[in-house]
Amino acid sequence: MDDSDSQGYTPTTTHAEWGAGSPRLRVSHENGERSEFLLEVDVVRVGSADGNELRLSDTDPVHATIEHDQRDEYVLTLHGESETNSSPSVDATHPGDGVRTLRTGAHFTAGPWTLVFARDEFADHGRPFGGRKGGEYDDQKLQAPRPDYSEDAEAADAAPAPDVDAAPVGPASGTPGPDDDDAAKADADR
């Protein structure tokens, strides 16, 4: 079987540069509102409190925390009530109650919000070489040991935090939606 796709791409190791792969959260509200939040800092607090990197209306003040760790993993710690698509009994790189190692497609809820983690395949450490070709009981090709990301992580820790606009997201937040932008543009044209 040929592992390449029609453009000639062959999946390889998932040991990319530290923080590569555009790690992000796809955020959706039960009312249909959608947005994307890039994980550009090493600790992201999710909730309704002032100062959170991702403020969401109708959630606990700090509902969850996502930390980019020294192994180049994104680790979710749940503080508020939540549903996830992962089982706490499954072996993970980060054990503990309410702690999950995020892989593309991992999702969790916070109040009326659903958040889905995504990271480009070449950098998502979950399944190298495109995953298991014959299903879960097939052998998976091993990749070389993970690089030492500690210098990159220490450099990121030493860098000043970016100026984050912590405006809440949501129907009650006053954040303009797509229709509001169109209305503002129409008003400006008059």
C-alpha atoms as a PDB file:
ATOM      1  CA  MET A   1       0.000   0.000   0.000  1.00  0.00           C
ATOM      2  CA  ASP A   2       1.302   3.467  -0.906  1.00  0.00           C
ATOM      3  CA  ASP A   3       1.176   5.928   2.044  1.00  0.00           C
ATOM      4  CA  SER A   4       1.341   9.052  -0.146  1.00  0.00           C
ATOM      5  CA  ASP A   5      -1.676  11.055  -1.220  1.00  0.00           C
ATOM      6  CA  SER A   6      -2.446  12.241  -4.747  1.00  0.00           C
ATOM      7  CA  GLN A   7      -0.040  15.212  -4.418  1.00  0.00           C
ATOM      8  CA  GLY A   8       2.813  12.984  -3.256  1.00  0.00           C
ATOM      9  CA  TYR A   9       2.673  13.846   0.477  1.00  0.00           C
ATOM     10  CA  THR A  10       3.887  11.051   2.725  1.00  0.00           C
ATOM     11  CA  PRO A  11       3.151  11.419   6.461  1.00  0.00           C
ATOM     12  CA  THR A  12       6.290  11.318   8.594  1.00  0.00           C
ATOM     13  CA  THR A  13       7.342  11.946  12.168  1.00  0.00           C
ATOM     14  CA  THR A  14       5.461  14.490  14.290  1.00  0.00           C
ATOM     15  CA  HIS A  15       8.636  16.043  15.702  1.00  0.00           C
ATOM     16  CA  ALA A  16       8.324  19.539  14.262  1.00  0.00           C
ATOM     17  CA  GLU A  17       9.685  22.775  15.689  1.00  0.00           C
ATOM     18  CA  TRP A  18       8.452  23.641  19.186  1.00  0.00           C
ATOM     19  CA  GLY A  19       4.986  25.222  18.964  1.00  0.00           C
ATOM     20  CA  ALA A  20       4.638  24.526  15.214  1.00  0.00           C
ATOM     21  CA  GLY A  21       1.467  23.421  13.501  1.00  0.00           C
ATOM     22  CA  SER A  22      -0.743  26.422  14.265  1.00  0.00           C
ATOM     23  CA  PRO A  23      -2.246  25.076  17.524  1.00  0.00           C
ATOM     24  CA  ARG A  24      -5.716  26.537  17.959  1.00  0.00           C
ATOM     25  CA  LEU A  25      -9.170  26.154  19.424  1.00  0.00           C
ATOM     26  CA  ARG A  26     -12.251  26.137  17.244  1.00  0.00           C
ATOM     27  CA  VAL A  27     -14.874  27.742  19.439  1.00  0.00           C
ATOM     28  CA  SER A  28     -18.610  27.421  18.837  1.00  0.00           C
ATOM     29  CA  HIS A  29     -21.654  28.503  20.803  1.00  0.00           C
ATOM     30  CA  GLU A  30     -24.876  26.538  20.867  1.00  0.00           C
ATOM     31  CA  ASN A  31     -26.525  29.499  19.051  1.00  0.00           C
ATOM     32  CA  GLY A  32     -24.311  28.860  15.985  1.00  0.00           C
ATOM     33  CA  GLU A  33     -21.674  31.543  16.622  1.00  0.00           C
ATOM     34  CA  ARG A  34     -18.176  30.329  15.648  1.00  0.00           C
ATOM     35  CA  SER A  35     -14.613  31.622  15.952  1.00  0.00           C
ATOM     36  CA  GLU A  36     -11.042  30.405  16.117  1.00  0.00           C
ATOM     37  CA  PHE A  37      -8.556  31.179  18.884  1.00  0.00           C
ATOM     38  CA  LEU A  38      -4.829  30.713  18.220  1.00  0.00           C
ATOM     39  CA  LEU A  39      -2.830  29.314  21.141  1.00  0.00           C
ATOM     40  CA  GLU A  40      -0.014  31.861  20.952  1.00  0.00           C
ATOM     41  CA  VAL A  41       0.937  32.016  24.637  1.00  0.00           C
ATOM     42  CA  ASP A  42       2.061  29.164  26.863  1.00  0.00           C
ATOM     43  CA  VAL A  43      -0.816  29.419  29.343  1.00  0.00           C
ATOM     44  CA  VAL A  44      -4.360  30.163  28.212  1.00  0.00           C
ATOM     45  CA  ARG A  45      -7.096  30.587  30.807  1.00  0.00           C
ATOM     46  CA  VAL A  46     -10.594  29.988  29.468  1.00  0.00           C
ATOM     47  CA  GLY A  47     -13.588  31.448  31.272  1.00  0.00           C
ATOM     48  CA  SER A  48     -15.577  34.568  32.023  1.00  0.00           C
ATOM     49  CA  ALA A  49     -13.125  36.381  34.353  1.00  0.00           C
ATOM     50  CA  ASP A  50     -11.356  39.594  33.405  1.00  0.00           C
ATOM     51  CA  GLY A  51      -7.758  38.904  32.439  1.00  0.00           C
ATOM     52  CA  ASN A  52      -8.393  35.488  30.903  1.00  0.00           C
ATOM     53  CA  GLU A  53      -6.722  34.999  27.547  1.00  0.00           C
ATOM     54  CA  LEU A  54      -9.977  33.539  26.156  1.00  0.00           C
ATOM     55  CA  ARG A  55     -13.059  35.081  27.729  1.00  0.00           C
ATOM     56  CA  LEU A  56     -16.335  33.281  27.123  1.00  0.00           C
ATOM     57  CA  SER A  57     -19.676  34.466  28.428  1.00  0.00           C
ATOM     58  CA  ASP A  58     -21.814  32.155  30.570  1.00  0.00           C
ATOM     59  CA  THR A  59     -18.875  30.095  31.901  1.00  0.00           C
ATOM     60  CA  ASP A  60     -17.075  29.765  35.232  1.00  0.00           C
ATOM     61  CA  PRO A  61     -14.546  32.551  35.942  1.00  0.00           C
ATOM     62  CA  VAL A  62     -11.710  30.126  35.078  1.00  0.00           C
ATOM     63  CA  HIS A  63     -13.376  27.125  33.493  1.00  0.00           C
ATOM     64  CA  ALA A  64     -10.239  25.539  32.018  1.00  0.00           C
ATOM     65  CA  THR A  65      -6.534  26.130  31.531  1.00  0.00           C
ATOM     66  CA  ILE A  66      -4.437  25.051  28.549  1.00  0.00           C
ATOM     67  CA  GLU A  67      -0.692  24.910  29.072  1.00  0.00           C
ATOM     68  CA  HIS A  68       1.977  24.475  26.402  1.00  0.00           C
ATOM     69  CA  ASP A  69       4.503  22.334  28.241  1.00  0.00           C
ATOM     70  CA  GLN A  70       8.206  21.629  27.807  1.00  0.00           C
ATOM     71  CA  ARG A  71       7.462  18.461  25.812  1.00  0.00           C
ATOM     72  CA  ASP A  72       5.645  20.577  23.175  1.00  0.00           C
ATOM     73  CA  GLU A  73       2.268  19.229  24.240  1.00  0.00           C
ATOM     74  CA  TYR A  74      -0.874  21.251  24.904  1.00  0.00           C
ATOM     75  CA  VAL A  75      -2.393  20.116  28.185  1.00  0.00           C
ATOM     76  CA  LEU A  76      -5.968  20.854  29.229  1.00  0.00           C
ATOM     77  CA  THR A  77      -6.880  21.136  32.915  1.00  0.00           C
ATOM     78  CA  LEU A  78     -10.605  21.375  33.574  1.00  0.00           C
ATOM     79  CA  HIS A  79     -11.688  23.461  36.554  1.00  0.00           C
ATOM     80  CA  GLY A  80     -15.418  23.753  35.801  1.00  0.00           C
ATOM     81  CA  GLU A  81     -18.081  21.276  34.785  1.00  0.00           C
ATOM     82  CA  SER A  82     -17.348  19.965  31.313  1.00  0.00           C
ATOM     83  CA  GLU A  83     -17.894  17.147  28.874  1.00  0.00           C
ATOM     84  CA  THR A  84     -14.972  15.811  26.852  1.00  0.00           C
ATOM     85  CA  ASN A  85     -14.482  13.197  24.173  1.00  0.00           C
ATOM     86  CA  SER A  86     -11.595  11.570  26.034  1.00  0.00           C
ATOM     87  CA  SER A  87     -11.647   9.037  28.829  1.00  0.00           C
ATOM     88  CA  PRO A  88      -9.727   9.779  32.035  1.00  0.00           C
ATOM     89  CA  SER A  89      -8.829   6.060  32.288  1.00  0.00           C
ATOM     90  CA  VAL A  90      -6.851   6.057  29.023  1.00  0.00           C
ATOM     91  CA  ASP A  91      -3.076   6.251  29.393  1.00  0.00           C
ATOM     92  CA  ALA A  92      -1.866   9.731  28.566  1.00  0.00           C
ATOM     93  CA  THR A  93       1.310  11.701  28.849  1.00  0.00           C
ATOM     94  CA  HIS A  94      -0.309  13.844  31.568  1.00  0.00           C
ATOM     95  CA  PRO A  95      -2.137  11.899  34.268  1.00  0.00           C
ATOM     96  CA  GLY A  96      -4.499  13.479  36.799  1.00  0.00           C
ATOM     97  CA  ASP A  97      -8.122  14.338  37.455  1.00  0.00           C
ATOM     98  CA  GLY A  98      -9.476  16.689  34.811  1.00  0.00           C
ATOM     99  CA  VAL A  99      -6.145  16.723  32.930  1.00  0.00           C
ATOM    100  CA  ARG A 100      -6.018  15.778  29.246  1.00  0.00           C
ATOM    101  CA  THR A 101      -3.266  15.851  26.636  1.00  0.00           C
ATOM    102  CA  LEU A 102      -4.823  17.552  23.620  1.00  0.00           C
ATOM    103  CA  ARG A 103      -4.664  16.017  20.166  1.00  0.00           C
ATOM    104  CA  THR A 104      -6.388  17.236  17.025  1.00  0.00           C
ATOM    105  CA  GLY A 105     -10.104  16.631  17.393  1.00  0.00           C
ATOM    106  CA  ALA A 106     -10.100  16.629  21.206  1.00  0.00           C
ATOM    107  CA  HIS A 107     -13.009  18.689  22.439  1.00  0.00           C
ATOM    108  CA  PHE A 108     -14.484  19.938  25.678  1.00  0.00           C
ATOM    109  CA  THR A 109     -17.416  22.072  26.734  1.00  0.00           C
ATOM    110  CA  ALA A 110     -17.615  25.187  28.877  1.00  0.00           C
ATOM    111  CA  GLY A 111     -21.197  26.242  29.540  1.00  0.00           C
ATOM    112  CA  PRO A 112     -22.895  26.741  26.139  1.00  0.00           C
ATOM    113  CA  TRP A 113     -19.540  26.613  24.316  1.00  0.00           C
ATOM    114  CA  THR A 114     -17.767  23.719  22.599  1.00  0.00           C
ATOM    115  CA  LEU A 115     -14.012  24.042  22.071  1.00  0.00           C
ATOM    116  CA  VAL A 116     -12.142  21.747  19.672  1.00  0.00           C
ATOM    117  CA  PHE A 117      -8.344  21.551  19.625  1.00  0.00           C
ATOM    118  CA  ALA A 118      -6.597  21.459  16.248  1.00  0.00           C
ATOM    119  CA  ARG A 119      -2.953  21.300  15.248  1.00  0.00           C
ATOM    120  CA  ASP A 120      -1.523  20.553  11.830  1.00  0.00           C
ATOM    121  CA  GLU A 121      -0.723  16.852  11.408  1.00  0.00           C
ATOM    122  CA  PHE A 122       3.032  17.297  10.984  1.00  0.00           C
ATOM    123  CA  ALA A 123       3.299  18.730  14.524  1.00  0.00           C
ATOM    124  CA  ASP A 124       0.517  16.898  16.409  1.00  0.00           C
ATOM    125  CA  HIS A 125       2.460  14.320  18.437  1.00  0.00           C
ATOM    126  CA  GLY A 126      -0.433  11.852  18.658  1.00  0.00           C
ATOM    127  CA  ARG A 127       0.005   9.573  15.655  1.00  0.00           C
ATOM    128  CA  PRO A 128       3.177   9.733  13.554  1.00  0.00           C
ATOM    129  CA  PHE A 129       3.377   8.518   9.972  1.00  0.00           C
ATOM    130  CA  GLY A 130      -0.351   9.006   9.396  1.00  0.00           C
ATOM    131  CA  GLY A 131      -1.437   6.678  12.229  1.00  0.00           C
ATOM    132  CA  ARG A 132      -2.124   2.970  12.189  1.00  0.00           C
ATOM    133  CA  LYS A 133      -2.979   1.790   8.684  1.00  0.00           C
ATOM    134  CA  GLY A 134      -4.698  -1.455   9.696  1.00  0.00           C
ATOM    135  CA  GLY A 135      -6.700  -0.212  12.674  1.00  0.00           C
ATOM    136  CA  GLU A 136      -6.016  -0.090  16.391  1.00  0.00           C
ATOM    137  CA  TYR A 137      -4.567  -3.623  16.626  1.00  0.00           C
ATOM    138  CA  ASP A 138      -2.109  -3.131  13.779  1.00  0.00           C
ATOM    139  CA  ASP A 139       1.493  -2.227  14.543  1.00  0.00           C
ATOM    140  CA  GLN A 140       2.319   1.456  14.375  1.00  0.00           C
ATOM    141  CA  LYS A 141       5.681   2.473  13.018  1.00  0.00           C
ATOM    142  CA  LEU A 142       7.800   3.959  15.827  1.00  0.00           C
ATOM    143  CA  GLN A 143       9.374   7.363  15.477  1.00  0.00           C
ATOM    144  CA  ALA A 144      12.692   8.504  16.864  1.00  0.00           C
ATOM    145  CA  PRO A 145      12.725   9.872  20.428  1.00  0.00           C
ATOM    146  CA  ARG A 146      11.221  13.318  20.869  1.00  0.00           C
ATOM    147  CA  PRO A 147      13.672  16.229  20.526  1.00  0.00           C
ATOM    148  CA  ASP A 148      14.685  18.197  23.604  1.00  0.00           C
ATOM    149  CA  TYR A 149      12.385  21.229  23.472  1.00  0.00           C
ATOM    150  CA  SER A 150      13.508  22.613  26.843  1.00  0.00           C
ATOM    151  CA  GLU A 151      15.606  25.497  25.420  1.00  0.00           C
ATOM    152  CA  ASP A 152      12.699  26.613  23.216  1.00  0.00           C
ATOM    153  CA  ALA A 153      10.296  26.379  26.152  1.00  0.00           C
ATOM    154  CA  GLU A 154      12.645  28.355  28.423  1.00  0.00           C
ATOM    155  CA  ALA A 155      13.051  31.060  25.760  1.00  0.00           C
ATOM    156  CA  ALA A 156       9.264  31.337  25.462  1.00  0.00           C
ATOM    157  CA  ASP A 157       8.928  31.567  29.251  1.00  0.00           C
ATOM    158  CA  ALA A 158      11.490  34.393  29.323  1.00  0.00           C
ATOM    159  CA  ALA A 159       9.804  36.366  26.512  1.00  0.00           C
ATOM    160  CA  PRO A 160       7.395  39.112  27.555  1.00  0.00           C
ATOM    161  CA  ALA A 161       3.751  38.143  27.277  1.00  0.00           C
ATOM    162  CA  PRO A 162       1.953  39.661  24.300  1.00  0.00           C
ATOM    163  CA  ASP A 163      -0.636  42.353  24.928  1.00  0.00           C
ATOM    164  CA  VAL A 164      -3.834  40.305  24.874  1.00  0.00           C
ATOM    165  CA  ASP A 165      -7.226  41.898  24.293  1.00  0.00           C
ATOM    166  CA  ALA A 166      -9.287  39.943  26.800  1.00  0.00           C
ATOM    167  CA  ALA A 167     -12.731  41.059  25.645  1.00  0.00           C
ATOM    168  CA  PRO A 168     -15.343  38.404  26.321  1.00  0.00           C
ATOM    169  CA  VAL A 169     -16.677  36.407  23.413  1.00  0.00           C
ATOM    170  CA  GLY A 170     -20.349  35.678  23.209  1.00  0.00           C
ATOM    171  CA  PRO A 171     -23.818  36.942  22.656  1.00  0.00           C
ATOM    172  CA  ALA A 172     -23.792  39.090  25.805  1.00  0.00           C
ATOM    173  CA  SER A 173     -20.270  40.384  25.303  1.00  0.00           C
ATOM    174  CA  GLY A 174     -20.936  43.224  22.920  1.00  0.00           C
ATOM    175  CA  THR A 175     -18.353  41.751  20.543  1.00  0.00           C
ATOM    176  CA  PRO A 176     -19.420  42.619  17.017  1.00  0.00           C
ATOM    177  CA  GLY A 177     -20.570  39.716  14.901  1.00  0.00           C
ATOM    178  CA  PRO A 178     -20.394  39.438  11.112  1.00  0.00           C
ATOM    179  CA  ASP A 179     -23.736  41.244  10.673  1.00  0.00           C
ATOM    180  CA  ASP A 180     -22.608  44.078  12.969  1.00  0.00           C
ATOM    181  CA  ASP A 181     -19.459  44.590  10.844  1.00  0.00           C
ATOM    182  CA  ASP A 182     -21.571  44.858   7.680  1.00  0.00           C
ATOM    183  CA  ALA A 183     -23.924  47.342   9.364  1.00  0.00           C
ATOM    184  CA  ALA A 184     -20.983  49.451  10.575  1.00  0.00           C
ATOM    185  CA  LYS A 185     -19.511  49.512   7.060  1.00  0.00           C
ATOM    186  CA  ALA A 186     -22.872  50.526   5.601  1.00  0.00           C
ATOM    187  CA  ASP A 187     -23.191  53.346   8.151  1.00  0.00           C
ATOM    188  CA  ALA A 188     -19.680  54.558   7.302  1.00  0.00           C
ATOM    189  CA  ASP A 189     -20.539  54.629   3.581  1.00  0.00           C
ATOM    190  CA  ARG A 190     -23.553  56.900   4.141  1.00  0.00           C
END
